[in-house]
Amino acid sequence: MVAANPIQPAAGPTGYAQLVAEPLKPASSPAATKRALEKFRPCTADPGGVAAIVGAYHSTPFDILGIHPHAVDGKPAIVIRTFQPQALAVSVVRGDQLYPMHRVHHDGFFEAIIHNQSDRFLYRLAITLPGSDGGRQQTYEIEDPYCYPPVLTDFDLHRF
């Protein structure tokens, strides 16, 4: 499923897709912006875990953030979660496909569910920030460190 998005990938000199951002339409008023942010979707993660990530006291963020297997109506899916408190919008970038993430916590916790997918894959995040002093919004692309599995085993952690 490819979602319509104002971000268009273009090949960059590094071999990674670089994003060319079109500005998103600004809300008509601060009240409209607040109403838009209040329309959250339910999160697939434990609410206590999300609160711990947002509050910066979660002891094992790999348990919540990044890519995880999930099931939707008994069918395989993948869920990707990120905490981007500065972002207006976030999308998962996988090759030339963009999957918009949904804000599930008002402090900037985002989630995307990718249906009919059961295998982990590498992805990047496209993050849209507000423009400074009312200027044009900016979108940039980053690696998500949580897309990689943890490198320490349970035995390594035990030895610590």
C-alpha atoms as a PDB file:
ATOM      1  CA  MET A   1       0.000   0.000   0.000  1.00  0.00           C
ATOM      2  CA  VAL A   2       1.493   3.316  -1.073  1.00  0.00           C
ATOM      3  CA  ALA A   3      -0.019   6.324   0.612  1.00  0.00           C
ATOM      4  CA  ALA A   4      -0.311   9.724  -0.997  1.00  0.00           C
ATOM      5  CA  ASN A   5       2.197  12.026   0.637  1.00  0.00           C
ATOM      6  CA  PRO A   6       3.658  15.440  -0.215  1.00  0.00           C
ATOM      7  CA  ILE A   7       7.171  13.986   0.122  1.00  0.00           C
ATOM      8  CA  GLN A   8       8.685  12.735  -3.095  1.00  0.00           C
ATOM      9  CA  PRO A   9      11.800  10.525  -2.925  1.00  0.00           C
ATOM     10  CA  ALA A  10      14.627  11.294  -5.311  1.00  0.00           C
ATOM     11  CA  ALA A  11      17.971   9.539  -5.609  1.00  0.00           C
ATOM     12  CA  GLY A  12      20.691  11.390  -3.736  1.00  0.00           C
ATOM     13  CA  PRO A  13      24.489  11.283  -4.080  1.00  0.00           C
ATOM     14  CA  THR A  14      24.779   8.856  -1.147  1.00  0.00           C
ATOM     15  CA  GLY A  15      22.611   6.239  -2.813  1.00  0.00           C
ATOM     16  CA  TYR A  16      19.886   6.799  -0.220  1.00  0.00           C
ATOM     17  CA  ALA A  17      16.683   8.479  -1.209  1.00  0.00           C
ATOM     18  CA  GLN A  18      16.750  12.171  -0.427  1.00  0.00           C
ATOM     19  CA  LEU A  19      13.442  13.865   0.196  1.00  0.00           C
ATOM     20  CA  VAL A  20      12.189  16.855  -1.675  1.00  0.00           C
ATOM     21  CA  ALA A  21       9.488  18.345   0.495  1.00  0.00           C
ATOM     22  CA  GLU A  22       6.463  20.239  -0.611  1.00  0.00           C
ATOM     23  CA  PRO A  23       5.108  22.419   2.168  1.00  0.00           C
ATOM     24  CA  LEU A  24       2.102  21.090   3.985  1.00  0.00           C
ATOM     25  CA  LYS A  25      -0.859  23.426   4.172  1.00  0.00           C
ATOM     26  CA  PRO A  26      -0.749  25.278   7.489  1.00  0.00           C
ATOM     27  CA  ALA A  27      -3.730  25.106   9.792  1.00  0.00           C
ATOM     28  CA  SER A  28      -6.055  28.075   9.563  1.00  0.00           C
ATOM     29  CA  SER A  29      -5.649  28.928  13.256  1.00  0.00           C
ATOM     30  CA  PRO A  30      -3.905  27.764  16.432  1.00  0.00           C
ATOM     31  CA  ALA A  31      -7.227  26.247  17.525  1.00  0.00           C
ATOM     32  CA  ALA A  32      -7.386  24.213  14.281  1.00  0.00           C
ATOM     33  CA  THR A  33      -3.844  22.979  14.879  1.00  0.00           C
ATOM     34  CA  LYS A  34      -4.767  21.951  18.423  1.00  0.00           C
ATOM     35  CA  ARG A  35      -7.869  20.102  17.193  1.00  0.00           C
ATOM     36  CA  ALA A  36      -5.790  18.272  14.548  1.00  0.00           C
ATOM     37  CA  LEU A  37      -3.271  17.161  17.164  1.00  0.00           C
ATOM     38  CA  GLU A  38      -6.033  15.944  19.471  1.00  0.00           C
ATOM     39  CA  LYS A  39      -7.220  13.380  16.891  1.00  0.00           C
ATOM     40  CA  PHE A  40      -5.098  10.472  18.021  1.00  0.00           C
ATOM     41  CA  ARG A  41      -5.407   6.880  16.992  1.00  0.00           C
ATOM     42  CA  PRO A  42      -5.198   4.079  19.531  1.00  0.00           C
ATOM     43  CA  CYS A  43      -1.686   2.740  20.009  1.00  0.00           C
ATOM     44  CA  THR A  44      -0.783  -0.951  19.746  1.00  0.00           C
ATOM     45  CA  ALA A  45       1.814  -0.604  22.528  1.00  0.00           C
ATOM     46  CA  ASP A  46       1.190  -0.701  26.248  1.00  0.00           C
ATOM     47  CA  PRO A  47       0.108   2.820  27.357  1.00  0.00           C
ATOM     48  CA  GLY A  48       2.438   2.606  30.360  1.00  0.00           C
ATOM     49  CA  GLY A  49       5.359   1.843  28.071  1.00  0.00           C
ATOM     50  CA  VAL A  50       4.481   4.766  25.799  1.00  0.00           C
ATOM     51  CA  ALA A  51       4.260   7.069  28.837  1.00  0.00           C
ATOM     52  CA  ALA A  52       7.677   5.809  29.980  1.00  0.00           C
ATOM     53  CA  ILE A  53       9.205   6.566  26.553  1.00  0.00           C
ATOM     54  CA  VAL A  54       7.622  10.033  26.474  1.00  0.00           C
ATOM     55  CA  GLY A  55       8.741  10.649  30.063  1.00  0.00           C
ATOM     56  CA  ALA A  56      12.283   9.413  29.283  1.00  0.00           C
ATOM     57  CA  TYR A  57      12.331   6.749  32.002  1.00  0.00           C
ATOM     58  CA  HIS A  58      11.768   3.525  30.025  1.00  0.00           C
ATOM     59  CA  SER A  59      14.567   1.076  30.796  1.00  0.00           C
ATOM     60  CA  THR A  60      14.313  -0.968  27.567  1.00  0.00           C
ATOM     61  CA  PRO A  61      13.199   1.306  24.695  1.00  0.00           C
ATOM     62  CA  PHE A  62      13.848  -1.432  22.100  1.00  0.00           C
ATOM     63  CA  ASP A  63      10.781  -3.171  23.566  1.00  0.00           C
ATOM     64  CA  ILE A  64       8.572  -0.292  22.376  1.00  0.00           C
ATOM     65  CA  LEU A  65      10.357   1.696  19.653  1.00  0.00           C
ATOM     66  CA  GLY A  66      11.301   0.479  16.204  1.00  0.00           C
ATOM     67  CA  ILE A  67       9.904  -2.401  14.194  1.00  0.00           C
ATOM     68  CA  HIS A  68       7.861  -5.210  15.771  1.00  0.00           C
ATOM     69  CA  PRO A  69       5.673  -8.077  14.523  1.00  0.00           C
ATOM     70  CA  HIS A  70       1.970  -7.495  15.033  1.00  0.00           C
ATOM     71  CA  ALA A  71      -1.282  -9.152  13.983  1.00  0.00           C
ATOM     72  CA  VAL A  72      -4.353  -7.376  12.613  1.00  0.00           C
ATOM     73  CA  ASP A  73      -7.494  -9.516  12.484  1.00  0.00           C
ATOM     74  CA  GLY A  74      -5.321 -12.640  12.631  1.00  0.00           C
ATOM     75  CA  LYS A  75      -3.206 -11.564   9.651  1.00  0.00           C
ATOM     76  CA  PRO A  76       0.495 -10.731   9.920  1.00  0.00           C
ATOM     77  CA  ALA A  77       1.568  -7.128  10.080  1.00  0.00           C
ATOM     78  CA  ILE A  78       4.487  -5.016  11.187  1.00  0.00           C
ATOM     79  CA  VAL A  79       4.200  -2.047  13.531  1.00  0.00           C
ATOM     80  CA  ILE A  80       6.820   0.707  13.571  1.00  0.00           C
ATOM     81  CA  ARG A  81       6.961   3.214  16.428  1.00  0.00           C
ATOM     82  CA  THR A  82       9.036   6.346  16.989  1.00  0.00           C
ATOM     83  CA  PHE A  83       9.144   9.227  19.429  1.00  0.00           C
ATOM     84  CA  GLN A  84       9.693  12.532  17.633  1.00  0.00           C
ATOM     85  CA  PRO A  85       8.466  15.337  19.919  1.00  0.00           C
ATOM     86  CA  GLN A  86       9.504  18.082  17.497  1.00  0.00           C
ATOM     87  CA  ALA A  87       7.678  16.612  14.482  1.00  0.00           C
ATOM     88  CA  LEU A  88       4.475  17.718  12.823  1.00  0.00           C
ATOM     89  CA  ALA A  89       4.397  14.514  10.776  1.00  0.00           C
ATOM     90  CA  VAL A  90       6.490  11.363  10.335  1.00  0.00           C
ATOM     91  CA  SER A  91       6.514   8.761   7.550  1.00  0.00           C
ATOM     92  CA  VAL A  92       8.267   5.412   7.190  1.00  0.00           C
ATOM     93  CA  VAL A  93      10.414   5.316   4.046  1.00  0.00           C
ATOM     94  CA  ARG A  94      10.967   1.862   2.594  1.00  0.00           C
ATOM     95  CA  GLY A  95      12.587   2.037  -0.821  1.00  0.00           C
ATOM     96  CA  ASP A  96      10.287   4.215  -2.893  1.00  0.00           C
ATOM     97  CA  GLN A  97       7.242   3.648  -0.653  1.00  0.00           C
ATOM     98  CA  LEU A  98       6.088   6.044   2.051  1.00  0.00           C
ATOM     99  CA  TYR A  99       3.865   4.956   4.926  1.00  0.00           C
ATOM    100  CA  PRO A 100       2.484   7.859   6.972  1.00  0.00           C
ATOM    101  CA  MET A 101       2.700   7.374  10.709  1.00  0.00           C
ATOM    102  CA  HIS A 102      -0.143   8.354  13.024  1.00  0.00           C
ATOM    103  CA  ARG A 103       0.341  10.420  16.156  1.00  0.00           C
ATOM    104  CA  VAL A 104      -0.828   8.231  19.045  1.00  0.00           C
ATOM    105  CA  HIS A 105       0.362  10.460  21.914  1.00  0.00           C
ATOM    106  CA  HIS A 106       0.168  14.248  22.013  1.00  0.00           C
ATOM    107  CA  ASP A 107       3.862  14.577  22.952  1.00  0.00           C
ATOM    108  CA  GLY A 108       4.990  13.177  19.604  1.00  0.00           C
ATOM    109  CA  PHE A 109       4.781   9.395  19.745  1.00  0.00           C
ATOM    110  CA  PHE A 110       4.026   8.053  16.247  1.00  0.00           C
ATOM    111  CA  GLU A 111       3.078   4.615  14.943  1.00  0.00           C
ATOM    112  CA  ALA A 112       2.513   2.968  11.553  1.00  0.00           C
ATOM    113  CA  ILE A 113       1.029  -0.460  10.891  1.00  0.00           C
ATOM    114  CA  ILE A 114       2.104  -2.132   7.666  1.00  0.00           C
ATOM    115  CA  HIS A 115      -0.337  -4.893   6.776  1.00  0.00           C
ATOM    116  CA  ASN A 116       0.492  -8.262   5.183  1.00  0.00           C
ATOM    117  CA  GLN A 117       4.127  -8.004   6.209  1.00  0.00           C
ATOM    118  CA  SER A 118       5.790 -10.388   8.650  1.00  0.00           C
ATOM    119  CA  ASP A 119       9.525  -9.946   8.061  1.00  0.00           C
ATOM    120  CA  ARG A 120      11.677  -7.185   9.531  1.00  0.00           C
ATOM    121  CA  PHE A 121      13.133  -4.760   7.019  1.00  0.00           C
ATOM    122  CA  LEU A 122      15.370  -1.707   7.025  1.00  0.00           C
ATOM    123  CA  TYR A 123      13.644   1.641   6.743  1.00  0.00           C
ATOM    124  CA  ARG A 124      14.241   5.332   7.297  1.00  0.00           C
ATOM    125  CA  LEU A 125      12.045   8.027   8.808  1.00  0.00           C
ATOM    126  CA  ALA A 126      10.932  11.193   7.026  1.00  0.00           C
ATOM    127  CA  ILE A 127      10.266  13.864   9.632  1.00  0.00           C
ATOM    128  CA  THR A 128       8.396  17.097   8.912  1.00  0.00           C
ATOM    129  CA  LEU A 129       9.191  20.032  11.203  1.00  0.00           C
ATOM    130  CA  PRO A 130       7.430  23.376  11.532  1.00  0.00           C
ATOM    131  CA  GLY A 131       9.111  26.260   9.770  1.00  0.00           C
ATOM    132  CA  SER A 132      10.988  28.748  11.883  1.00  0.00           C
ATOM    133  CA  ASP A 133       9.161  32.038  12.435  1.00  0.00           C
ATOM    134  CA  GLY A 134       6.191  30.882  10.395  1.00  0.00           C
ATOM    135  CA  GLY A 135       8.369  29.942   7.416  1.00  0.00           C
ATOM    136  CA  ARG A 136       8.119  26.939   5.154  1.00  0.00           C
ATOM    137  CA  GLN A 137       7.985  23.534   6.832  1.00  0.00           C
ATOM    138  CA  GLN A 138      11.052  21.360   6.418  1.00  0.00           C
ATOM    139  CA  THR A 139      11.242  17.611   5.905  1.00  0.00           C
ATOM    140  CA  TYR A 140      14.372  15.566   6.378  1.00  0.00           C
ATOM    141  CA  GLU A 141      15.169  11.876   6.421  1.00  0.00           C
ATOM    142  CA  ILE A 142      17.024   9.954   9.142  1.00  0.00           C
ATOM    143  CA  GLU A 143      18.065   6.423   9.978  1.00  0.00           C
ATOM    144  CA  ASP A 144      16.005   5.006  12.827  1.00  0.00           C
ATOM    145  CA  PRO A 145      18.431   3.363  15.271  1.00  0.00           C
ATOM    146  CA  TYR A 146      15.556   1.190  16.506  1.00  0.00           C
ATOM    147  CA  CYS A 147      15.107  -0.494  13.121  1.00  0.00           C
ATOM    148  CA  TYR A 148      18.084  -2.690  14.004  1.00  0.00           C
ATOM    149  CA  PRO A 149      17.756  -5.501  16.544  1.00  0.00           C
ATOM    150  CA  PRO A 150      19.581  -5.078  19.871  1.00  0.00           C
ATOM    151  CA  VAL A 151      23.198  -6.207  19.633  1.00  0.00           C
ATOM    152  CA  LEU A 152      23.568  -7.416  23.219  1.00  0.00           C
ATOM    153  CA  THR A 153      22.270 -10.881  24.007  1.00  0.00           C
ATOM    154  CA  ASP A 154      20.592 -11.860  27.272  1.00  0.00           C
ATOM    155  CA  PHE A 155      23.868 -13.531  28.263  1.00  0.00           C
ATOM    156  CA  ASP A 156      25.799 -10.294  27.596  1.00  0.00           C
ATOM    157  CA  LEU A 157      23.320  -8.365  29.733  1.00  0.00           C
ATOM    158  CA  HIS A 158      23.593 -11.000  32.471  1.00  0.00           C
ATOM    159  CA  ARG A 159      27.373 -10.579  32.545  1.00  0.00           C
ATOM    160  CA  PHE A 160      26.978  -6.833  33.024  1.00  0.00           C
END
